[in-house]
Structure formats: C-alpha cells, structure tokens
Amino acid sequence: MAQGSRPARVADQIRSELASLLTREVHDPGIGFVTLTRVQVTPDLGSARVLYTALGDDAARTRSARALERAAPFLRRQIGSRLRLKRAPELRFIYDDSVAGQDRIEKLLNEIHAAEPPHDDDGS
C-alpha cells in the first residue's frame, strides 16, 4: 500500500463527514451555501486544510469564512469522535479560488470562440 494512502483516505472521510455536519448539525445562517471542494491532511494527521467555495458576493464569502471559523472547534470534536481518531486534526478553512479561476477561463474561451469568424470544414 502506498505510504500516502492513509492521509488521503482520512481526508476523504473528513470531507464527507464535514459536508454532512454542515448540512445537518451546524445551524449558523452565516455559513450560507458552502461547497467543500477538497481536504488536504498532513502526513501526521495533525492538520487538515479544508478548501471550500461559497455562493454569493464578497460579503457573503466573508460571512461564510467567519461562520466556518466559529464552527471549527465543534466540527473538530465531531470529526474526532466520528472517525475515531486518536487526535482530531486542526481544521483550517481556506477559500478555494481555483473554481472561480476556471469559470473565468471558460468565459474568456467562450468569448474568443464567439468572436472567431465561421470557417468551412471541407476536410482539407
């Protein structure tokens, strides 16, 4: 088995449990519409970076970030007990701007494609 497989498995479990907890257990309206995109766990399982996106403008994103910070201790305790880890990893929530970057690139490519003159496909 690969040496990095346990942190990857734990990261997947953390993402799944956090998504469930955020929808069912955390009742902070400041969180808003958050999607967990990825979890990265250190090899010693002591720290987890939780990357997320949030629907809405910058103000909504800021509210979501603050609400996630407030919920982090509760979420950490829940993760520790649900996954039966000796020590629950410290959760750091980080906004994932790669999705916004992908959307921007796709929009630019669509604009370029729309501006191109049509050409004939005669097979030569």
Protein backbone atom coordinates (compact mmCIF):
# COMPACT_ATOMS: atom_id res chain seq x y z
CA MET A 1 0.00 0.00 0.00
CA ALA A 2 1.33 3.45 -0.81
CA GLN A 3 2.69 5.47 2.08
CA GLY A 4 0.43 8.45 1.40
CA SER A 5 -2.77 6.44 1.20
CA ARG A 6 -3.88 6.84 4.83
CA PRO A 7 -3.85 10.66 4.82
CA ALA A 8 -5.76 10.57 1.51
CA ARG A 9 -8.37 8.19 2.95
CA VAL A 10 -8.71 10.26 6.11
CA ALA A 11 -9.03 13.42 4.00
CA ASP A 12 -11.89 11.87 2.02
CA GLN A 13 -13.61 10.78 5.22
CA ILE A 14 -13.19 14.24 6.74
CA ARG A 15 -14.68 15.91 3.66
CA SER A 16 -17.64 13.56 3.71
CA GLU A 17 -18.28 13.99 7.45
CA LEU A 18 -17.85 17.77 7.31
CA ALA A 19 -20.34 18.03 4.45
CA SER A 20 -22.83 16.01 6.47
CA LEU A 21 -22.22 18.03 9.63
CA LEU A 22 -22.55 21.36 7.84
CA THR A 23 -25.91 20.40 6.37
CA ARG A 24 -27.39 18.67 9.42
CA GLU A 25 -25.69 19.83 12.63
CA VAL A 26 -24.39 23.37 12.15
CA HIS A 27 -27.24 25.85 12.29
CA ASP A 28 -25.28 29.07 11.73
CA PRO A 29 -27.02 31.03 8.94
CA GLY A 30 -23.75 32.85 8.25
CA ILE A 31 -22.31 29.76 6.61
CA GLY A 32 -24.61 30.14 3.62
CA PHE A 33 -24.20 27.91 0.59
CA VAL A 34 -20.78 26.32 1.04
CA THR A 35 -19.34 23.52 -1.05
CA LEU A 36 -16.31 21.61 0.21
CA THR A 37 -14.04 21.11 -2.77
CA ARG A 38 -11.06 19.34 -1.24
CA VAL A 39 -9.42 18.38 2.06
CA GLN A 40 -5.66 18.09 2.43
CA VAL A 41 -4.34 16.33 5.53
CA THR A 42 -0.73 16.44 6.75
CA PRO A 43 1.05 13.05 6.91
CA ASP A 44 0.86 13.04 10.73
CA LEU A 45 -2.92 13.75 10.53
CA GLY A 46 -2.43 16.73 12.83
CA SER A 47 -3.77 19.38 10.49
CA ALA A 48 -6.35 19.49 7.73
CA ARG A 49 -6.81 22.24 5.16
CA VAL A 50 -10.44 22.32 4.09
CA LEU A 51 -10.90 24.09 0.77
CA TYR A 52 -14.36 25.40 0.02
CA THR A 53 -16.32 27.66 -2.26
CA ALA A 54 -19.24 29.84 -1.26
CA LEU A 55 -22.14 31.09 -3.32
CA GLY A 56 -22.67 34.84 -3.36
CA ASP A 57 -20.68 38.05 -3.41
CA ASP A 58 -17.60 39.01 -1.38
CA ALA A 59 -19.70 39.94 1.66
CA ALA A 60 -21.36 36.51 1.65
CA ARG A 61 -17.96 34.88 1.26
CA THR A 62 -16.65 36.82 4.27
CA ARG A 63 -19.69 35.81 6.35
CA SER A 64 -19.14 32.19 5.38
CA ALA A 65 -15.45 32.35 6.33
CA ARG A 66 -16.26 33.79 9.77
CA ALA A 67 -19.02 31.26 10.39
CA LEU A 68 -16.75 28.37 9.44
CA GLU A 69 -14.09 29.67 11.84
CA ARG A 70 -16.69 29.80 14.61
CA ALA A 71 -17.83 26.26 13.85
CA ALA A 72 -14.30 24.79 13.56
CA PRO A 73 -13.92 23.68 17.22
CA PHE A 74 -17.32 21.92 17.16
CA LEU A 75 -16.54 20.33 13.80
CA ARG A 76 -13.13 19.17 15.04
CA ARG A 77 -14.67 17.44 18.06
CA GLN A 78 -17.28 15.78 15.88
CA ILE A 79 -14.67 14.60 13.35
CA GLY A 80 -12.55 13.15 16.17
CA SER A 81 -15.40 11.14 17.61
CA ARG A 82 -17.00 10.07 14.32
CA LEU A 83 -13.76 8.91 12.69
CA ARG A 84 -12.35 7.52 15.96
CA LEU A 85 -9.02 9.28 15.56
CA LYS A 86 -6.60 9.45 18.49
CA ARG A 87 -6.19 13.13 17.83
CA ALA A 88 -8.57 15.10 15.67
CA PRO A 89 -6.78 17.26 13.10
CA GLU A 90 -6.88 21.02 13.44
CA LEU A 91 -9.26 22.32 10.76
CA ARG A 92 -8.28 25.34 8.68
CA PHE A 93 -10.90 26.53 6.23
CA ILE A 94 -9.46 28.13 3.10
CA TYR A 95 -11.47 29.65 0.27
CA ASP A 96 -10.78 27.77 -2.98
CA ASP A 97 -10.50 30.38 -5.69
CA SER A 98 -9.45 27.83 -8.32
CA VAL A 99 -13.11 27.24 -9.22
CA ALA A 100 -13.61 30.97 -9.84
CA GLY A 101 -10.45 30.95 -11.96
CA GLN A 102 -11.75 28.04 -14.00
CA ASP A 103 -15.04 29.86 -14.58
CA ARG A 104 -13.17 32.97 -15.70
CA ILE A 105 -11.01 30.98 -18.13
CA GLU A 106 -14.06 29.22 -19.54
CA LYS A 107 -15.83 32.56 -20.02
CA LEU A 108 -12.80 34.02 -21.83
CA LEU A 109 -12.55 30.97 -24.08
CA ASN A 110 -16.25 31.25 -24.93
CA GLU A 111 -15.79 34.94 -25.77
CA ILE A 112 -12.83 34.13 -28.02
CA HIS A 113 -14.77 31.34 -29.72
CA ALA A 114 -17.78 33.64 -30.27
CA ALA A 115 -15.55 36.32 -31.80
CA GLU A 116 -13.95 33.92 -34.31
CA PRO A 117 -15.29 34.11 -37.84
CA PRO A 118 -17.00 30.94 -39.03
CA HIS A 119 -14.88 28.71 -41.27
CA ASP A 120 -15.66 25.94 -43.72
CA ASP A 121 -14.90 22.36 -42.75
CA ASP A 122 -14.12 20.86 -46.15
CA GLY A 123 -11.81 18.21 -44.71
CA SER A 124 -8.59 19.54 -46.25
